[in-house]
Amino acid sequence: MAAIDSAVLDRLREAALEAAKNAYAPYSQFYVGAALLFDDGQMVTGCNVENMSYGLTSCAERNALFRAVSERGAGHKIVAVAVANRNGAASPPCGACRQVMSEFATPDAVVCFPGDYGPETMPFAEIFPRSFHFDGPGTGKPGRS
C-alpha cells in the first residue's frame, strides 16, 4: 500500500463526510461523499446525486473524479480515496466507480470506506483486482486477438 499517513487519511475521511452533506438522495436517503487525493497533493471531493429512475444516479466517487478531470485535466493519478456516508452503513465503491477509477488510480492507491464491521483500508488493486482494459487501436498498445 502507498505510504499515506493516518493524518492524511483522517483529513480525507473528514472531507468525504463533509461532501456527503451535499448529497442529493431524496429516494434512498443514502448520503455518500468521497474525497480523492492525487499525486500532486490536491484533494477533490464529490457526493452522490440521485435521480428518480435510480439508473441515472451518479455516485460520489465518480462525481469527484469527473470534477477533478473537468477542473484539472486527466494528467494526475489518484493515490488515496476515502468514502463516507451519513447513514453509518457499509459503502465500498461500487463496481462502476471501481472501473472508472481504475484508469486514474495507482495500483497501490489507498481506499478507505465504511465496511460491514467498521472502517476498512486496502490497496486499490485488492479492491478491484481485474479491471477491464482495452489494448487496441488508438491506445498505443498491441491489440489482443
N, C-alpha and C. Protein backbone atom coordinates (compact mmCIF):
# COMPACT_ATOMS: atom_id res chain seq x y z
N MET A 1 0.84 -1.18 0.00
CA MET A 1 0.00 0.00 0.00
C MET A 1 0.88 1.24 0.00
N ALA A 2 0.40 2.28 -0.62
CA ALA A 2 1.14 3.54 -0.68
C ALA A 2 1.36 4.07 0.74
N ALA A 3 2.43 4.80 0.92
CA ALA A 3 2.75 5.37 2.23
C ALA A 3 1.94 6.64 2.44
N ILE A 4 0.72 6.49 2.89
CA ILE A 4 -0.16 7.61 3.21
C ILE A 4 -0.35 7.58 4.72
N ASP A 5 0.03 8.65 5.40
CA ASP A 5 -0.04 8.59 6.86
C ASP A 5 -1.47 8.74 7.36
N SER A 6 -1.67 8.36 8.62
CA SER A 6 -3.01 8.33 9.19
C SER A 6 -3.65 9.72 9.26
N ALA A 7 -2.84 10.76 9.45
CA ALA A 7 -3.40 12.13 9.49
C ALA A 7 -4.00 12.50 8.15
N VAL A 8 -3.35 12.11 7.06
CA VAL A 8 -3.87 12.39 5.72
C VAL A 8 -5.17 11.62 5.50
N LEU A 9 -5.18 10.35 5.91
CA LEU A 9 -6.41 9.55 5.76
C LEU A 9 -7.55 10.14 6.59
N ASP A 10 -7.23 10.63 7.77
CA ASP A 10 -8.27 11.27 8.60
C ASP A 10 -8.84 12.50 7.90
N ARG A 11 -7.97 13.32 7.30
CA ARG A 11 -8.44 14.51 6.57
C ARG A 11 -9.31 14.11 5.37
N LEU A 12 -8.91 13.05 4.69
CA LEU A 12 -9.72 12.58 3.55
C LEU A 12 -11.09 12.11 4.02
N ARG A 13 -11.12 11.33 5.09
CA ARG A 13 -12.40 10.85 5.63
C ARG A 13 -13.29 12.02 6.04
N GLU A 14 -12.71 13.01 6.71
CA GLU A 14 -13.47 14.19 7.13
C GLU A 14 -14.02 14.95 5.91
N ALA A 15 -13.20 15.08 4.87
CA ALA A 15 -13.63 15.77 3.66
C ALA A 15 -14.76 15.00 2.97
N ALA A 16 -14.65 13.67 2.97
CA ALA A 16 -15.70 12.84 2.37
C ALA A 16 -17.01 12.98 3.14
N LEU A 17 -16.91 12.99 4.46
CA LEU A 17 -18.12 13.15 5.28
C LEU A 17 -18.74 14.54 5.09
N GLU A 18 -17.91 15.53 4.96
CA GLU A 18 -18.40 16.89 4.69
C GLU A 18 -19.10 16.94 3.33
N ALA A 19 -18.51 16.28 2.32
CA ALA A 19 -19.11 16.25 0.98
C ALA A 19 -20.47 15.54 1.01
N ALA A 20 -20.60 14.53 1.88
CA ALA A 20 -21.87 13.79 1.98
C ALA A 20 -23.01 14.69 2.41
N LYS A 21 -22.70 15.80 3.07
CA LYS A 21 -23.75 16.75 3.49
C LYS A 21 -24.44 17.38 2.29
N ASN A 22 -23.77 17.40 1.14
CA ASN A 22 -24.34 17.99 -0.07
C ASN A 22 -25.04 16.98 -0.96
N ALA A 23 -25.01 15.72 -0.58
CA ALA A 23 -25.61 14.67 -1.42
C ALA A 23 -27.09 14.93 -1.64
N TYR A 24 -27.53 14.57 -2.83
CA TYR A 24 -28.94 14.66 -3.19
C TYR A 24 -29.45 13.23 -3.24
N ALA A 25 -30.14 12.80 -2.19
CA ALA A 25 -30.59 11.41 -2.08
C ALA A 25 -32.01 11.33 -1.52
N PRO A 26 -32.98 11.98 -2.20
CA PRO A 26 -34.34 12.00 -1.66
C PRO A 26 -35.06 10.66 -1.74
N TYR A 27 -34.56 9.74 -2.54
CA TYR A 27 -35.25 8.46 -2.74
C TYR A 27 -34.70 7.38 -1.83
N SER A 28 -33.39 7.24 -1.75
CA SER A 28 -32.78 6.20 -0.93
C SER A 28 -32.45 6.68 0.48
N GLN A 29 -32.31 7.99 0.64
CA GLN A 29 -31.84 8.57 1.90
C GLN A 29 -30.43 8.08 2.25
N PHE A 30 -29.65 7.71 1.24
CA PHE A 30 -28.29 7.21 1.41
C PHE A 30 -27.34 8.29 0.92
N TYR A 31 -26.78 9.05 1.84
CA TYR A 31 -26.00 10.26 1.55
C TYR A 31 -24.51 9.92 1.60
N VAL A 32 -23.86 9.93 0.44
CA VAL A 32 -22.47 9.49 0.33
C VAL A 32 -21.59 10.64 -0.14
N GLY A 33 -20.38 10.69 0.39
CA GLY A 33 -19.37 11.64 -0.05
C GLY A 33 -18.08 10.90 -0.32
N ALA A 34 -17.25 11.45 -1.18
CA ALA A 34 -15.95 10.86 -1.50
C ALA A 34 -14.92 11.97 -1.58
N ALA A 35 -13.69 11.62 -1.19
CA ALA A 35 -12.56 12.53 -1.32
C ALA A 35 -11.43 11.76 -1.99
N LEU A 36 -10.88 12.35 -3.04
CA LEU A 36 -9.78 11.73 -3.79
C LEU A 36 -8.53 12.58 -3.58
N LEU A 37 -7.42 11.91 -3.29
CA LEU A 37 -6.13 12.59 -3.16
C LEU A 37 -5.30 12.21 -4.37
N PHE A 38 -4.74 13.22 -5.04
CA PHE A 38 -3.97 12.99 -6.25
C PHE A 38 -2.47 13.08 -5.97
N ASP A 39 -1.70 12.60 -6.93
CA ASP A 39 -0.25 12.52 -6.79
C ASP A 39 0.43 13.88 -6.62
N ASP A 40 -0.26 14.96 -6.90
CA ASP A 40 0.32 16.30 -6.70
C ASP A 40 -0.12 16.93 -5.38
N GLY A 41 -0.81 16.13 -4.54
CA GLY A 41 -1.24 16.61 -3.23
C GLY A 41 -2.60 17.27 -3.21
N GLN A 42 -3.24 17.44 -4.36
CA GLN A 42 -4.56 18.07 -4.42
C GLN A 42 -5.65 17.08 -4.04
N MET A 43 -6.65 17.57 -3.32
CA MET A 43 -7.80 16.76 -2.94
C MET A 43 -9.04 17.31 -3.66
N VAL A 44 -9.88 16.39 -4.14
CA VAL A 44 -11.13 16.77 -4.80
C VAL A 44 -12.24 15.93 -4.19
N THR A 45 -13.37 16.55 -3.91
CA THR A 45 -14.49 15.84 -3.30
C THR A 45 -15.69 15.78 -4.24
N GLY A 46 -16.60 14.89 -3.91
CA GLY A 46 -17.86 14.77 -4.64
C GLY A 46 -18.88 14.08 -3.77
N CYS A 47 -20.14 14.16 -4.17
CA CYS A 47 -21.23 13.50 -3.45
C CYS A 47 -22.13 12.80 -4.46
N ASN A 48 -22.96 11.89 -3.95
CA ASN A 48 -23.89 11.23 -4.85
C ASN A 48 -25.06 12.15 -5.20
N VAL A 49 -25.55 11.98 -6.41
CA VAL A 49 -26.70 12.74 -6.89
C VAL A 49 -27.67 11.73 -7.49
N GLU A 50 -28.80 11.55 -6.82
CA GLU A 50 -29.78 10.56 -7.27
C GLU A 50 -30.71 11.13 -8.34
N ASN A 51 -31.38 10.21 -9.00
CA ASN A 51 -32.43 10.53 -9.94
C ASN A 51 -33.55 9.54 -9.66
N MET A 52 -34.78 9.95 -9.86
CA MET A 52 -35.89 9.07 -9.53
C MET A 52 -35.87 7.76 -10.32
N SER A 53 -35.13 7.70 -11.42
CA SER A 53 -35.04 6.45 -12.17
C SER A 53 -33.95 5.52 -11.62
N TYR A 54 -33.23 5.97 -10.61
CA TYR A 54 -32.11 5.25 -9.99
C TYR A 54 -30.98 4.96 -10.96
N GLY A 55 -31.25 4.43 -12.13
CA GLY A 55 -30.20 4.10 -13.08
C GLY A 55 -29.40 5.30 -13.53
N LEU A 56 -29.96 6.48 -13.41
CA LEU A 56 -29.26 7.70 -13.79
C LEU A 56 -28.58 8.38 -12.60
N THR A 57 -28.62 7.72 -11.45
CA THR A 57 -27.93 8.23 -10.27
C THR A 57 -26.43 8.20 -10.51
N SER A 58 -25.72 9.18 -9.99
CA SER A 58 -24.27 9.24 -10.12
C SER A 58 -23.64 9.20 -8.73
N CYS A 59 -22.70 8.30 -8.56
CA CYS A 59 -22.06 8.07 -7.25
C CYS A 59 -21.07 9.17 -6.89
N ALA A 60 -20.79 9.29 -5.62
CA ALA A 60 -19.87 10.29 -5.10
C ALA A 60 -18.47 10.14 -5.69
N GLU A 61 -17.98 8.90 -5.79
CA GLU A 61 -16.62 8.68 -6.28
C GLU A 61 -16.46 9.14 -7.72
N ARG A 62 -17.42 8.78 -8.57
CA ARG A 62 -17.34 9.21 -9.97
C ARG A 62 -17.53 10.72 -10.09
N ASN A 63 -18.43 11.29 -9.30
CA ASN A 63 -18.61 12.74 -9.36
C ASN A 63 -17.34 13.47 -8.95
N ALA A 64 -16.64 12.97 -7.94
CA ALA A 64 -15.37 13.59 -7.53
C ALA A 64 -14.34 13.47 -8.65
N LEU A 65 -14.25 12.30 -9.26
CA LEU A 65 -13.27 12.09 -10.33
C LEU A 65 -13.60 12.94 -11.54
N PHE A 66 -14.86 12.97 -11.94
CA PHE A 66 -15.25 13.77 -13.10
C PHE A 66 -15.01 15.26 -12.84
N ARG A 67 -15.25 15.68 -11.61
CA ARG A 67 -14.97 17.06 -11.24
C ARG A 67 -13.47 17.34 -11.37
N ALA A 68 -12.65 16.42 -10.87
CA ALA A 68 -11.19 16.61 -10.93
C ALA A 68 -10.72 16.72 -12.37
N VAL A 69 -11.21 15.84 -13.23
CA VAL A 69 -10.80 15.87 -14.64
C VAL A 69 -11.30 17.15 -15.31
N SER A 70 -12.53 17.55 -15.04
CA SER A 70 -13.05 18.75 -15.69
C SER A 70 -12.34 20.01 -15.22
N GLU A 71 -11.89 20.03 -13.98
CA GLU A 71 -11.23 21.22 -13.44
C GLU A 71 -9.72 21.22 -13.67
N ARG A 72 -9.09 20.01 -13.74
CA ARG A 72 -7.64 19.95 -13.73
C ARG A 72 -7.04 19.14 -14.86
N GLY A 73 -7.88 18.50 -15.67
CA GLY A 73 -7.36 17.63 -16.72
C GLY A 73 -7.16 16.21 -16.20
N ALA A 74 -6.71 15.35 -17.09
CA ALA A 74 -6.59 13.93 -16.77
C ALA A 74 -5.16 13.50 -16.49
N GLY A 75 -4.27 14.42 -16.21
CA GLY A 75 -2.86 14.11 -16.07
C GLY A 75 -2.39 13.65 -14.71
N HIS A 76 -3.28 13.56 -13.72
CA HIS A 76 -2.85 13.18 -12.38
C HIS A 76 -3.43 11.84 -11.98
N LYS A 77 -2.72 11.14 -11.11
CA LYS A 77 -3.15 9.82 -10.63
C LYS A 77 -3.67 9.92 -9.20
N ILE A 78 -4.67 9.10 -8.90
CA ILE A 78 -5.23 9.01 -7.55
C ILE A 78 -4.30 8.17 -6.70
N VAL A 79 -3.94 8.68 -5.51
CA VAL A 79 -3.11 7.92 -4.58
C VAL A 79 -3.89 7.50 -3.33
N ALA A 80 -5.05 8.11 -3.09
CA ALA A 80 -5.89 7.72 -1.96
C ALA A 80 -7.32 8.14 -2.21
N VAL A 81 -8.24 7.33 -1.69
CA VAL A 81 -9.68 7.56 -1.82
C VAL A 81 -10.31 7.34 -0.45
N ALA A 82 -11.20 8.21 -0.05
CA ALA A 82 -11.99 7.98 1.16
C ALA A 82 -13.45 8.13 0.79
N VAL A 83 -14.26 7.20 1.28
CA VAL A 83 -15.70 7.22 1.08
C VAL A 83 -16.34 7.29 2.46
N ALA A 84 -17.37 8.09 2.59
CA ALA A 84 -18.10 8.20 3.86
C ALA A 84 -19.57 8.37 3.55
N ASN A 85 -20.40 8.02 4.52
CA ASN A 85 -21.82 8.28 4.36
C ASN A 85 -22.41 8.70 5.69
N ARG A 86 -23.53 9.38 5.62
CA ARG A 86 -24.19 9.88 6.82
C ARG A 86 -25.08 8.83 7.45
N ASN A 87 -25.15 7.64 6.89
CA ASN A 87 -26.05 6.60 7.36
C ASN A 87 -25.36 5.55 8.23
N GLY A 88 -24.04 5.55 8.27
CA GLY A 88 -23.31 4.56 9.05
C GLY A 88 -23.31 3.18 8.43
N ALA A 89 -23.69 3.07 7.18
CA ALA A 89 -23.76 1.77 6.50
C ALA A 89 -22.47 1.48 5.75
N ALA A 90 -22.21 0.21 5.52
CA ALA A 90 -21.07 -0.18 4.69
C ALA A 90 -21.24 0.43 3.30
N SER A 91 -20.15 0.98 2.77
CA SER A 91 -20.26 1.58 1.44
C SER A 91 -18.90 1.60 0.73
N PRO A 92 -18.43 0.42 0.33
CA PRO A 92 -17.25 0.41 -0.53
C PRO A 92 -17.64 0.96 -1.90
N PRO A 93 -16.67 1.43 -2.67
CA PRO A 93 -17.01 1.90 -4.01
C PRO A 93 -17.69 0.79 -4.82
N CYS A 94 -18.72 1.15 -5.58
CA CYS A 94 -19.43 0.16 -6.40
C CYS A 94 -18.55 -0.26 -7.58
N GLY A 95 -18.99 -1.26 -8.30
CA GLY A 95 -18.23 -1.76 -9.45
C GLY A 95 -18.00 -0.71 -10.53
N ALA A 96 -19.02 0.09 -10.82
CA ALA A 96 -18.87 1.14 -11.84
C ALA A 96 -17.82 2.15 -11.41
N CYS A 97 -17.85 2.54 -10.14
CA CYS A 97 -16.85 3.50 -9.65
C CYS A 97 -15.45 2.91 -9.68
N ARG A 98 -15.33 1.65 -9.31
CA ARG A 98 -14.03 0.99 -9.34
C ARG A 98 -13.48 0.96 -10.76
N GLN A 99 -14.34 0.63 -11.71
CA GLN A 99 -13.89 0.57 -13.11
C GLN A 99 -13.45 1.95 -13.60
N VAL A 100 -14.24 2.98 -13.32
CA VAL A 100 -13.88 4.32 -13.78
C VAL A 100 -12.59 4.78 -13.09
N MET A 101 -12.48 4.55 -11.79
CA MET A 101 -11.26 4.96 -11.08
C MET A 101 -10.04 4.18 -11.54
N SER A 102 -10.23 2.98 -12.09
CA SER A 102 -9.08 2.15 -12.47
C SER A 102 -8.20 2.82 -13.52
N GLU A 103 -8.75 3.73 -14.30
CA GLU A 103 -7.95 4.43 -15.30
C GLU A 103 -7.12 5.55 -14.69
N PHE A 104 -7.39 5.90 -13.44
CA PHE A 104 -6.73 7.04 -12.81
C PHE A 104 -6.00 6.69 -11.51
N ALA A 105 -6.30 5.55 -10.91
CA ALA A 105 -5.71 5.18 -9.62
C ALA A 105 -4.43 4.38 -9.81
N THR A 106 -3.45 4.67 -8.96
CA THR A 106 -2.27 3.82 -8.94
C THR A 106 -2.67 2.48 -8.31
N PRO A 107 -2.02 1.37 -8.67
CA PRO A 107 -2.40 0.07 -8.11
C PRO A 107 -2.33 0.03 -6.58
N ASP A 108 -1.40 0.81 -6.01
CA ASP A 108 -1.27 0.81 -4.56
C ASP A 108 -1.99 1.99 -3.91
N ALA A 109 -2.85 2.67 -4.65
CA ALA A 109 -3.66 3.75 -4.06
C ALA A 109 -4.45 3.18 -2.88
N VAL A 110 -4.53 3.93 -1.82
CA VAL A 110 -5.23 3.50 -0.62
C VAL A 110 -6.72 3.84 -0.77
N VAL A 111 -7.58 2.87 -0.45
CA VAL A 111 -9.03 3.09 -0.49
C VAL A 111 -9.58 2.85 0.91
N CYS A 112 -10.22 3.87 1.48
CA CYS A 112 -10.82 3.78 2.82
C CYS A 112 -12.33 3.91 2.68
N PHE A 113 -13.05 3.05 3.37
CA PHE A 113 -14.51 3.09 3.27
C PHE A 113 -15.12 2.42 4.49
N PRO A 114 -16.38 2.73 4.79
CA PRO A 114 -17.07 2.03 5.87
C PRO A 114 -17.35 0.60 5.42
N GLY A 115 -16.88 -0.37 6.19
CA GLY A 115 -17.13 -1.77 5.87
C GLY A 115 -18.23 -2.34 6.74
N ASP A 116 -18.48 -3.62 6.57
CA ASP A 116 -19.52 -4.29 7.36
C ASP A 116 -19.24 -4.25 8.86
N TYR A 117 -17.96 -4.26 9.24
CA TYR A 117 -17.59 -4.32 10.65
C TYR A 117 -16.75 -3.13 11.08
N GLY A 118 -16.89 -2.00 10.38
CA GLY A 118 -16.14 -0.81 10.72
C GLY A 118 -15.31 -0.35 9.54
N PRO A 119 -14.47 0.65 9.75
CA PRO A 119 -13.66 1.20 8.66
C PRO A 119 -12.70 0.17 8.08
N GLU A 120 -12.56 0.20 6.77
CA GLU A 120 -11.62 -0.69 6.08
C GLU A 120 -10.70 0.16 5.22
N THR A 121 -9.47 -0.29 5.08
CA THR A 121 -8.48 0.37 4.23
C THR A 121 -7.73 -0.71 3.47
N MET A 122 -7.64 -0.56 2.16
CA MET A 122 -6.92 -1.55 1.35
C MET A 122 -6.42 -0.91 0.07
N PRO A 123 -5.45 -1.55 -0.59
CA PRO A 123 -4.96 -1.01 -1.86
C PRO A 123 -6.02 -1.16 -2.96
N PHE A 124 -6.01 -0.23 -3.89
CA PHE A 124 -6.97 -0.27 -4.99
C PHE A 124 -6.89 -1.61 -5.74
N ALA A 125 -5.68 -2.12 -5.98
CA ALA A 125 -5.52 -3.38 -6.71
C ALA A 125 -6.19 -4.54 -5.99
N GLU A 126 -6.34 -4.44 -4.68
CA GLU A 126 -7.01 -5.50 -3.92
C GLU A 126 -8.53 -5.36 -3.99
N ILE A 127 -9.01 -4.13 -3.97
CA ILE A 127 -10.46 -3.92 -4.03
C ILE A 127 -10.99 -4.15 -5.45
N PHE A 128 -10.12 -3.99 -6.45
CA PHE A 128 -10.52 -4.19 -7.84
C PHE A 128 -9.39 -4.89 -8.59
N PRO A 129 -9.23 -6.19 -8.39
CA PRO A 129 -8.06 -6.90 -8.93
C PRO A 129 -8.06 -7.12 -10.44
N ARG A 130 -9.18 -7.13 -11.08
CA ARG A 130 -9.21 -7.45 -12.51
C ARG A 130 -10.09 -6.47 -13.27
N SER A 131 -9.57 -5.27 -13.46
CA SER A 131 -10.34 -4.26 -14.16
C SER A 131 -10.35 -4.55 -15.66
N PHE A 132 -11.39 -4.10 -16.32
CA PHE A 132 -11.45 -4.17 -17.77
C PHE A 132 -10.43 -3.20 -18.32
N HIS A 133 -9.70 -3.61 -19.35
CA HIS A 133 -8.80 -2.69 -20.04
C HIS A 133 -8.84 -3.00 -21.52
N PHE A 134 -8.59 -1.98 -22.31
CA PHE A 134 -8.66 -2.10 -23.76
C PHE A 134 -7.28 -1.86 -24.32
N ASP A 135 -6.72 -2.89 -24.91
CA ASP A 135 -5.41 -2.80 -25.56
C ASP A 135 -5.65 -2.97 -27.06
N GLY A 136 -5.90 -1.89 -27.73
CA GLY A 136 -6.21 -2.00 -29.15
C GLY A 136 -5.94 -0.72 -29.89
N PRO A 137 -6.58 -0.55 -31.02
CA PRO A 137 -6.34 0.63 -31.88
C PRO A 137 -6.49 1.94 -31.10
N GLY A 138 -5.56 2.82 -31.31
CA GLY A 138 -5.62 4.13 -30.68
C GLY A 138 -5.11 4.19 -29.26
N THR A 139 -4.77 3.05 -28.68
CA THR A 139 -4.29 3.05 -27.29
C THR A 139 -2.77 3.05 -27.20
N GLY A 140 -2.11 2.79 -28.31
CA GLY A 140 -0.67 2.70 -28.28
C GLY A 140 -0.19 1.37 -27.74
N LYS A 141 -1.12 0.44 -27.51
CA LYS A 141 -0.77 -0.88 -27.01
C LYS A 141 -1.23 -1.91 -28.03
N PRO A 142 -0.54 -3.03 -28.14
CA PRO A 142 -0.97 -4.04 -29.11
C PRO A 142 -2.34 -4.60 -28.75
N GLY A 143 -3.13 -4.89 -29.76
CA GLY A 143 -4.45 -5.46 -29.54
C GLY A 143 -4.36 -6.95 -29.24
N ARG A 144 -5.42 -7.48 -28.68
CA ARG A 144 -5.50 -8.92 -28.40
C ARG A 144 -6.25 -9.57 -29.55
N SER A 145 -5.88 -10.79 -29.86
CA SER A 145 -6.61 -11.49 -30.92
C SER A 145 -7.35 -12.69 -30.38
